[in-house]
Structure formats: C-alpha cells, structure tokens
Amino acid sequence: MRSFEDIEALAAEKKGGQEALDALLAEHNPPKSVAELEKIGDARWLSMFTRCVFQAGFSWKVIDQKWPGFEEAFQGFDVARLAFLPDEDFEALMHDTRIVRNGQKIKSVQANAVFLKDLAAEHGSAAKFFAHYPPGDQIGLMEVLKKRGSRLGGNTGQIALRFMGKESFVLSGDVVNALIRENVIESDAMSKKNLKAIQVAFNEWRATSGRSLNEISRILAFSVGSRH
C-alpha cells in the first residue's frame, strides 16, 4: 500500500493537475460537524433513507423529479406516525401515483421508521446516534444499518450517510478497484476480512493525509480510469 500522497498525485495526474483535482473535490460540501448532525431531525434521516432505497436500481433522475410527491405522500416522513403505518394507509400508498409503487420498498419505510424510533429511544434521537458514531469504525456503522435497518446494506446505506453529511467513504466500483490496486484487498468480495482491511487503510490514510473519509474515497475513485 503506497502513501496517500502518491495516490493523490496519481489522481491529480489523471484529472489534469492538482488544481483540477481540488476543484472536483470542492464540488461537494465537507462533512458536517457533530453539533450540526445532532440538529438534523429524525424525519430527515427517514427521508434520506427512503430516497436512497428507492433510487437503488432505479433512475435517480426519476426519483429526484418525483421527490416532492414522496414528501407529500409520506407526510413529511414523521417517524412516529410511519412506525405504526396502518394497513389501509399502506394500501393507499400502493395506489398513490405521486410515488414509485414498489410494495417492498414502501414497506421498508415503515421498517426504517421503527429502526429510527428505536435509536431515538436508546440515544435521545437517531441523529445523536449517527452524529457521535466514530468515523474510524464506519464498517461497524454499516453493519448496524444492514442488520437493524431495511434495505440499507451495501452502497445504499453508505450513500445515505454521505448525503446526510456524515463523514464517510463510499465503496463504489472505482474505489474498490483502487483498493485492490493498492493491495488493501485481493478481491471485490465484501467479506468481514476485506471490510476490516478497508477500514484500517482508510484510518491510516486519514491520519497521515489530514483528509476526510469523503475526500479519501473520492480521490481513490479519481485515481482509477480515464486520464481525461
């Protein structure tokens, strides 16, 4: 595994220089602070989880265009209300043209509302749980999302964390290929062994580079593929 300075230099070369790379990195907002994350209402977490679940395997553009309808149909993603979604309300949503009428994904909204309600009971709010979860154990947080949430395993949960402002990496295809190239992992299998090795590598690069997990993840992706 080479130094992150060398990986960043490779990414800069592929993107047309350090200035061009810095411009690409600046296109996305930096991670929110713990205090900022704590202030996010749990309804917004449910909204983002729902958005990422529905976007998985579907056109992001379509979901983006329909999203105001989702907010209306799910009544602002009130966690307490959706955790106890009556059968008749579920049936109404199955016929609601404002949303994508996928029964399993609609059911996941209720399951994730229960998940967030339980986190709030345990930690004061779900937002506090996510805000204080250490970035150095993102693999552990991903496991919580996978086991306790609904349809939040894999990249779906990672993307939701990123969009909410939680410092995080996203194991996209390019990032995984970069990790294989750097001999962090031998294959793209997301085994416990590989996930542990990935966390160790990210933690080391974070400590030595001063970059956030977001930046490290994106620089790894930029270091793969076209030089244009």
C-alpha atoms as a PDB file:
ATOM      1  CA  MET A   1       0.000   0.000   0.000  1.00  0.00           C
ATOM      2  CA  ARG A   2       1.556   3.251  -1.120  1.00  0.00           C
ATOM      3  CA  SER A   3       1.330   6.568   0.710  1.00  0.00           C
ATOM      4  CA  PHE A   4      -1.811   8.600   0.197  1.00  0.00           C
ATOM      5  CA  GLU A   5       0.352  11.430  -1.128  1.00  0.00           C
ATOM      6  CA  ASP A   6       1.309   9.182  -4.038  1.00  0.00           C
ATOM      7  CA  ILE A   7      -2.311   8.156  -4.627  1.00  0.00           C
ATOM      8  CA  GLU A   8      -3.401  11.787  -4.650  1.00  0.00           C
ATOM      9  CA  ALA A   9      -0.617  12.602  -7.124  1.00  0.00           C
ATOM     10  CA  LEU A  10      -1.919   9.828  -9.394  1.00  0.00           C
ATOM     11  CA  ALA A  11      -5.471  11.195  -9.139  1.00  0.00           C
ATOM     12  CA  ALA A  12      -4.233  14.714  -9.925  1.00  0.00           C
ATOM     13  CA  GLU A  13      -2.368  13.430 -12.982  1.00  0.00           C
ATOM     14  CA  LYS A  14      -5.483  11.695 -14.281  1.00  0.00           C
ATOM     15  CA  LYS A  15      -7.675  14.757 -13.703  1.00  0.00           C
ATOM     16  CA  GLY A  16      -5.374  17.364 -15.254  1.00  0.00           C
ATOM     17  CA  GLY A  17      -3.384  18.577 -12.266  1.00  0.00           C
ATOM     18  CA  GLN A  18      -3.772  19.369  -8.584  1.00  0.00           C
ATOM     19  CA  GLU A  19      -5.849  22.485  -9.241  1.00  0.00           C
ATOM     20  CA  ALA A  20      -8.340  20.489 -11.300  1.00  0.00           C
ATOM     21  CA  LEU A  21      -8.487  17.779  -8.632  1.00  0.00           C
ATOM     22  CA  ASP A  22      -9.072  20.354  -5.896  1.00  0.00           C
ATOM     23  CA  ALA A  23     -11.893  21.857  -7.967  1.00  0.00           C
ATOM     24  CA  LEU A  24     -13.556  18.431  -8.244  1.00  0.00           C
ATOM     25  CA  LEU A  25     -13.241  17.858  -4.505  1.00  0.00           C
ATOM     26  CA  ALA A  26     -14.739  21.298  -3.807  1.00  0.00           C
ATOM     27  CA  GLU A  27     -17.902  20.413  -5.742  1.00  0.00           C
ATOM     28  CA  HIS A  28     -19.229  18.551  -2.695  1.00  0.00           C
ATOM     29  CA  ASN A  29     -19.851  20.003   0.743  1.00  0.00           C
ATOM     30  CA  PRO A  30     -17.481  18.904   3.527  1.00  0.00           C
ATOM     31  CA  PRO A  31     -18.806  16.608   6.281  1.00  0.00           C
ATOM     32  CA  LYS A  32     -20.980  18.223   8.929  1.00  0.00           C
ATOM     33  CA  SER A  33     -19.732  18.616  12.476  1.00  0.00           C
ATOM     34  CA  VAL A  34     -21.117  16.511  15.326  1.00  0.00           C
ATOM     35  CA  ALA A  35     -23.122  19.534  16.511  1.00  0.00           C
ATOM     36  CA  GLU A  36     -24.597  20.064  13.039  1.00  0.00           C
ATOM     37  CA  LEU A  37     -25.511  16.400  12.669  1.00  0.00           C
ATOM     38  CA  GLU A  38     -27.213  16.383  16.074  1.00  0.00           C
ATOM     39  CA  LYS A  39     -29.577  19.127  14.932  1.00  0.00           C
ATOM     40  CA  ILE A  40     -30.945  17.153  11.986  1.00  0.00           C
ATOM     41  CA  GLY A  41     -34.469  15.932  12.684  1.00  0.00           C
ATOM     42  CA  ASP A  42     -35.013  12.165  12.617  1.00  0.00           C
ATOM     43  CA  ALA A  43     -37.637  12.698   9.898  1.00  0.00           C
ATOM     44  CA  ARG A  44     -34.857  13.906   7.590  1.00  0.00           C
ATOM     45  CA  TRP A  45     -32.924  10.702   8.217  1.00  0.00           C
ATOM     46  CA  LEU A  46     -36.000   8.676   7.280  1.00  0.00           C
ATOM     47  CA  SER A  47     -36.499  10.834   4.215  1.00  0.00           C
ATOM     48  CA  MET A  48     -32.919  10.236   3.051  1.00  0.00           C
ATOM     49  CA  PHE A  49     -33.032   6.514   3.790  1.00  0.00           C
ATOM     50  CA  THR A  50     -36.227   6.296   1.751  1.00  0.00           C
ATOM     51  CA  ARG A  51     -34.771   8.306  -1.096  1.00  0.00           C
ATOM     52  CA  CYS A  52     -31.660   6.127  -1.320  1.00  0.00           C
ATOM     53  CA  VAL A  53     -33.681   2.905  -1.050  1.00  0.00           C
ATOM     54  CA  PHE A  54     -35.948   3.956  -3.917  1.00  0.00           C
ATOM     55  CA  GLN A  55     -33.009   5.206  -6.008  1.00  0.00           C
ATOM     56  CA  ALA A  56     -31.221   1.859  -5.735  1.00  0.00           C
ATOM     57  CA  GLY A  57     -31.603   0.082  -9.069  1.00  0.00           C
ATOM     58  CA  PHE A  58     -33.775   2.885 -10.427  1.00  0.00           C
ATOM     59  CA  SER A  59     -33.282   6.133 -12.308  1.00  0.00           C
ATOM     60  CA  TRP A  60     -32.053   8.811  -9.909  1.00  0.00           C
ATOM     61  CA  LYS A  61     -33.492  11.454 -12.228  1.00  0.00           C
ATOM     62  CA  VAL A  62     -36.981   9.972 -11.957  1.00  0.00           C
ATOM     63  CA  ILE A  63     -36.805   9.803  -8.155  1.00  0.00           C
ATOM     64  CA  ASP A  64     -35.481  13.377  -7.987  1.00  0.00           C
ATOM     65  CA  GLN A  65     -38.394  14.590 -10.126  1.00  0.00           C
ATOM     66  CA  LYS A  66     -40.966  12.717  -8.040  1.00  0.00           C
ATOM     67  CA  TRP A  67     -39.438  13.541  -4.664  1.00  0.00           C
ATOM     68  CA  PRO A  68     -41.809  16.405  -3.723  1.00  0.00           C
ATOM     69  CA  GLY A  69     -44.615  13.878  -4.232  1.00  0.00           C
ATOM     70  CA  PHE A  70     -42.850  11.404  -1.932  1.00  0.00           C
ATOM     71  CA  GLU A  71     -42.621  14.062   0.786  1.00  0.00           C
ATOM     72  CA  GLU A  72     -46.345  14.730   0.453  1.00  0.00           C
ATOM     73  CA  ALA A  73     -47.403  11.084   0.261  1.00  0.00           C
ATOM     74  CA  PHE A  74     -45.355  10.144   3.331  1.00  0.00           C
ATOM     75  CA  GLN A  75     -46.479  13.305   5.150  1.00  0.00           C
ATOM     76  CA  GLY A  76     -43.022  14.707   5.813  1.00  0.00           C
ATOM     77  CA  PHE A  77     -41.647  11.332   6.979  1.00  0.00           C
ATOM     78  CA  ASP A  78     -42.907  11.645  10.534  1.00  0.00           C
ATOM     79  CA  VAL A  79     -41.110   8.753  12.246  1.00  0.00           C
ATOM     80  CA  ALA A  80     -43.682   8.166  14.996  1.00  0.00           C
ATOM     81  CA  ARG A  81     -46.593   8.017  12.536  1.00  0.00           C
ATOM     82  CA  LEU A  82     -44.877   5.844   9.919  1.00  0.00           C
ATOM     83  CA  ALA A  83     -43.602   3.373  12.512  1.00  0.00           C
ATOM     84  CA  PHE A  84     -47.247   2.361  13.040  1.00  0.00           C
ATOM     85  CA  LEU A  85     -48.462   2.575   9.450  1.00  0.00           C
ATOM     86  CA  PRO A  86     -51.979   1.050   9.285  1.00  0.00           C
ATOM     87  CA  ASP A  87     -52.705  -1.500   6.562  1.00  0.00           C
ATOM     88  CA  GLU A  88     -55.186   0.853   4.899  1.00  0.00           C
ATOM     89  CA  ASP A  89     -52.536   3.567   4.618  1.00  0.00           C
ATOM     90  CA  PHE A  90     -50.136   1.072   3.048  1.00  0.00           C
ATOM     91  CA  GLU A  91     -52.800   0.089   0.521  1.00  0.00           C
ATOM     92  CA  ALA A  92     -53.402   3.757  -0.272  1.00  0.00           C
ATOM     93  CA  LEU A  93     -49.688   4.266  -0.901  1.00  0.00           C
ATOM     94  CA  MET A  94     -49.668   1.268  -3.241  1.00  0.00           C
ATOM     95  CA  HIS A  95     -52.085   3.229  -5.456  1.00  0.00           C
ATOM     96  CA  ASP A  96     -50.530   6.676  -4.964  1.00  0.00           C
ATOM     97  CA  THR A  97     -49.208   7.957  -8.296  1.00  0.00           C
ATOM     98  CA  ARG A  98     -47.042  10.561  -6.539  1.00  0.00           C
ATOM     99  CA  ILE A  99     -44.540   7.841  -5.622  1.00  0.00           C
ATOM    100  CA  VAL A 100     -42.955   4.755  -7.168  1.00  0.00           C
ATOM    101  CA  ARG A 101     -45.394   1.994  -6.183  1.00  0.00           C
ATOM    102  CA  ASN A 102     -42.991  -0.734  -5.132  1.00  0.00           C
ATOM    103  CA  GLY A 103     -44.533  -2.675  -2.255  1.00  0.00           C
ATOM    104  CA  GLN A 104     -41.286  -3.936  -0.717  1.00  0.00           C
ATOM    105  CA  LYS A 105     -39.702  -0.512  -0.764  1.00  0.00           C
ATOM    106  CA  ILE A 106     -42.814   1.127   0.680  1.00  0.00           C
ATOM    107  CA  LYS A 107     -42.714  -1.453   3.491  1.00  0.00           C
ATOM    108  CA  SER A 108     -39.073  -0.526   4.117  1.00  0.00           C
ATOM    109  CA  VAL A 109     -40.182   2.998   5.030  1.00  0.00           C
ATOM    110  CA  GLN A 110     -42.142   1.636   7.977  1.00  0.00           C
ATOM    111  CA  ALA A 111     -39.293  -0.706   8.970  1.00  0.00           C
ATOM    112  CA  ASN A 112     -36.786   2.141   8.899  1.00  0.00           C
ATOM    113  CA  ALA A 113     -39.151   4.348  10.886  1.00  0.00           C
ATOM    114  CA  VAL A 114     -39.180   1.643  13.580  1.00  0.00           C
ATOM    115  CA  PHE A 115     -35.370   1.459  13.391  1.00  0.00           C
ATOM    116  CA  LEU A 116     -35.042   5.223  13.872  1.00  0.00           C
ATOM    117  CA  LYS A 117     -37.665   5.262  16.642  1.00  0.00           C
ATOM    118  CA  ASP A 118     -35.677   2.590  18.480  1.00  0.00           C
ATOM    119  CA  LEU A 119     -32.427   4.546  18.069  1.00  0.00           C
ATOM    120  CA  ALA A 120     -34.160   7.629  19.464  1.00  0.00           C
ATOM    121  CA  ALA A 121     -35.321   5.645  22.498  1.00  0.00           C
ATOM    122  CA  GLU A 122     -31.769   4.406  23.055  1.00  0.00           C
ATOM    123  CA  HIS A 123     -29.831   7.625  22.375  1.00  0.00           C
ATOM    124  CA  GLY A 124     -32.236  10.550  22.752  1.00  0.00           C
ATOM    125  CA  SER A 125     -32.547  10.877  18.982  1.00  0.00           C
ATOM    126  CA  ALA A 126     -31.407   8.915  15.980  1.00  0.00           C
ATOM    127  CA  ALA A 127     -29.457  11.993  14.928  1.00  0.00           C
ATOM    128  CA  LYS A 128     -27.367  11.806  18.119  1.00  0.00           C
ATOM    129  CA  PHE A 129     -26.529   8.180  17.406  1.00  0.00           C
ATOM    130  CA  PHE A 130     -25.286   8.959  13.899  1.00  0.00           C
ATOM    131  CA  ALA A 131     -23.561  12.183  14.947  1.00  0.00           C
ATOM    132  CA  HIS A 132     -21.451  10.506  17.620  1.00  0.00           C
ATOM    133  CA  TYR A 133     -20.668   7.258  15.835  1.00  0.00           C
ATOM    134  CA  PRO A 134     -16.868   7.334  15.296  1.00  0.00           C
ATOM    135  CA  PRO A 135     -15.728   7.718  11.666  1.00  0.00           C
ATOM    136  CA  GLY A 136     -12.914   5.294  12.464  1.00  0.00           C
ATOM    137  CA  ASP A 137     -15.465   2.481  12.653  1.00  0.00           C
ATOM    138  CA  GLN A 138     -17.638   3.104   9.621  1.00  0.00           C
ATOM    139  CA  ILE A 139     -17.699  -0.637   8.971  1.00  0.00           C
ATOM    140  CA  GLY A 140     -19.442  -1.036  12.337  1.00  0.00           C
ATOM    141  CA  LEU A 141     -21.997   1.616  11.415  1.00  0.00           C
ATOM    142  CA  MET A 142     -22.603  -0.079   8.073  1.00  0.00           C
ATOM    143  CA  GLU A 143     -23.297  -3.305   9.967  1.00  0.00           C
ATOM    144  CA  VAL A 144     -25.873  -1.512  12.143  1.00  0.00           C
ATOM    145  CA  LEU A 145     -27.624  -0.155   9.041  1.00  0.00           C
ATOM    146  CA  LYS A 146     -27.604  -3.585   7.418  1.00  0.00           C
ATOM    147  CA  LYS A 147     -28.829  -5.548  10.447  1.00  0.00           C
ATOM    148  CA  ARG A 148     -31.253  -3.110  12.046  1.00  0.00           C
ATOM    149  CA  GLY A 149     -32.393  -1.118   9.043  1.00  0.00           C
ATOM    150  CA  SER A 150     -34.298  -2.243   5.969  1.00  0.00           C
ATOM    151  CA  ARG A 151     -32.572  -2.343   2.560  1.00  0.00           C
ATOM    152  CA  LEU A 152     -29.727  -0.181   3.929  1.00  0.00           C
ATOM    153  CA  GLY A 153     -26.888  -2.615   3.344  1.00  0.00           C
ATOM    154  CA  GLY A 154     -24.190  -2.124   0.729  1.00  0.00           C
ATOM    155  CA  ASN A 155     -23.837   1.191  -1.038  1.00  0.00           C
ATOM    156  CA  THR A 156     -27.382   2.346  -0.205  1.00  0.00           C
ATOM    157  CA  GLY A 157     -26.569   2.992   3.450  1.00  0.00           C
ATOM    158  CA  GLN A 158     -23.158   4.446   2.608  1.00  0.00           C
ATOM    159  CA  ILE A 159     -24.668   6.923   0.139  1.00  0.00           C
ATOM    160  CA  ALA A 160     -27.324   7.938   2.666  1.00  0.00           C
ATOM    161  CA  LEU A 161     -24.633   8.688   5.264  1.00  0.00           C
ATOM    162  CA  ARG A 162     -22.704  10.750   2.722  1.00  0.00           C
ATOM    163  CA  PHE A 163     -25.760  12.751   1.650  1.00  0.00           C
ATOM    164  CA  MET A 164     -26.704  13.458   5.279  1.00  0.00           C
ATOM    165  CA  GLY A 165     -23.287  14.952   5.923  1.00  0.00           C
ATOM    166  CA  LYS A 166     -21.779  12.138   7.996  1.00  0.00           C
ATOM    167  CA  GLU A 167     -18.067  11.777   7.296  1.00  0.00           C
ATOM    168  CA  SER A 168     -17.906   8.550   5.319  1.00  0.00           C
ATOM    169  CA  PHE A 169     -16.456   6.626   2.436  1.00  0.00           C
ATOM    170  CA  VAL A 170     -18.466   5.038  -0.356  1.00  0.00           C
ATOM    171  CA  LEU A 171     -17.241   1.728  -1.730  1.00  0.00           C
ATOM    172  CA  SER A 172     -18.086   2.401  -5.368  1.00  0.00           C
ATOM    173  CA  GLY A 173     -16.655   0.224  -8.114  1.00  0.00           C
ATOM    174  CA  ASP A 174     -13.787   2.659  -8.746  1.00  0.00           C
ATOM    175  CA  VAL A 175     -12.944   2.893  -5.037  1.00  0.00           C
ATOM    176  CA  VAL A 176     -12.908  -0.898  -4.697  1.00  0.00           C
ATOM    177  CA  ASN A 177     -10.687  -1.197  -7.782  1.00  0.00           C
ATOM    178  CA  ALA A 178      -8.283   1.333  -6.272  1.00  0.00           C
ATOM    179  CA  LEU A 179      -8.212  -0.646  -3.014  1.00  0.00           C
ATOM    180  CA  ILE A 180      -7.377  -3.807  -4.951  1.00  0.00           C
ATOM    181  CA  ARG A 181      -4.635  -1.957  -6.859  1.00  0.00           C
ATOM    182  CA  GLU A 182      -3.153  -0.767  -3.549  1.00  0.00           C
ATOM    183  CA  ASN A 183      -3.171  -4.351  -2.216  1.00  0.00           C
ATOM    184  CA  VAL A 184      -5.542  -3.416   0.595  1.00  0.00           C
ATOM    185  CA  ILE A 185      -7.837  -6.242  -0.520  1.00  0.00           C
ATOM    186  CA  GLU A 186      -7.377  -9.056  -3.019  1.00  0.00           C
ATOM    187  CA  SER A 187     -10.888  -9.091  -4.474  1.00  0.00           C
ATOM    188  CA  ASP A 188     -14.129  -7.128  -4.547  1.00  0.00           C
ATOM    189  CA  ALA A 189     -15.813  -9.536  -2.131  1.00  0.00           C
ATOM    190  CA  MET A 190     -17.111  -7.565   0.857  1.00  0.00           C
ATOM    191  CA  SER A 191     -16.121 -10.225   3.400  1.00  0.00           C
ATOM    192  CA  LYS A 192     -15.515  -9.361   7.051  1.00  0.00           C
ATOM    193  CA  LYS A 193     -11.780  -9.724   6.422  1.00  0.00           C
ATOM    194  CA  ASN A 194     -11.845  -7.305   3.481  1.00  0.00           C
ATOM    195  CA  LEU A 195     -14.073  -4.801   5.264  1.00  0.00           C
ATOM    196  CA  LYS A 196     -11.716  -4.769   8.249  1.00  0.00           C
ATOM    197  CA  ALA A 197      -8.720  -4.223   5.941  1.00  0.00           C
ATOM    198  CA  ILE A 198     -10.552  -1.393   4.183  1.00  0.00           C
ATOM    199  CA  GLN A 199     -11.287   0.366   7.482  1.00  0.00           C
ATOM    200  CA  VAL A 200      -7.653   0.030   8.590  1.00  0.00           C
ATOM    201  CA  ALA A 201      -6.433   1.522   5.295  1.00  0.00           C
ATOM    202  CA  PHE A 202      -8.877   4.432   5.401  1.00  0.00           C
ATOM    203  CA  ASN A 203      -7.962   5.174   9.016  1.00  0.00           C
ATOM    204  CA  GLU A 204      -4.250   5.185   8.187  1.00  0.00           C
ATOM    205  CA  TRP A 205      -4.719   7.465   5.167  1.00  0.00           C
ATOM    206  CA  ARG A 206      -6.979   9.760   7.203  1.00  0.00           C
ATOM    207  CA  ALA A 207      -4.321  10.061   9.931  1.00  0.00           C
ATOM    208  CA  THR A 208      -1.407  10.665   7.572  1.00  0.00           C
ATOM    209  CA  SER A 209      -3.066  12.886   4.963  1.00  0.00           C
ATOM    210  CA  GLY A 210      -5.332  15.089   7.055  1.00  0.00           C
ATOM    211  CA  ARG A 211      -8.076  14.382   4.506  1.00  0.00           C
ATOM    212  CA  SER A 212     -11.619  13.397   5.471  1.00  0.00           C
ATOM    213  CA  LEU A 213     -13.003   9.974   4.611  1.00  0.00           C
ATOM    214  CA  ASN A 214     -15.109  11.726   1.959  1.00  0.00           C
ATOM    215  CA  GLU A 215     -12.049  13.184   0.261  1.00  0.00           C
ATOM    216  CA  ILE A 216     -10.031   9.977   0.524  1.00  0.00           C
ATOM    217  CA  SER A 217     -12.887   7.997  -1.010  1.00  0.00           C
ATOM    218  CA  ARG A 218     -13.276  10.399  -3.912  1.00  0.00           C
ATOM    219  CA  ILE A 219      -9.522  10.696  -4.541  1.00  0.00           C
ATOM    220  CA  LEU A 220      -9.286   6.912  -4.698  1.00  0.00           C
ATOM    221  CA  ALA A 221     -12.082   6.912  -7.276  1.00  0.00           C
ATOM    222  CA  PHE A 222     -10.398   9.688  -9.277  1.00  0.00           C
ATOM    223  CA  SER A 223      -7.152   7.698  -9.327  1.00  0.00           C
ATOM    224  CA  VAL A 224      -8.827   4.978 -11.374  1.00  0.00           C
ATOM    225  CA  GLY A 225      -9.833   5.085 -15.009  1.00  0.00           C
ATOM    226  CA  SER A 226      -9.524   7.738 -17.686  1.00  0.00           C
ATOM    227  CA  ARG A 227      -6.824  10.379 -17.664  1.00  0.00           C
ATOM    228  CA  HIS A 228      -9.341  12.919 -19.028  1.00  0.00           C
END
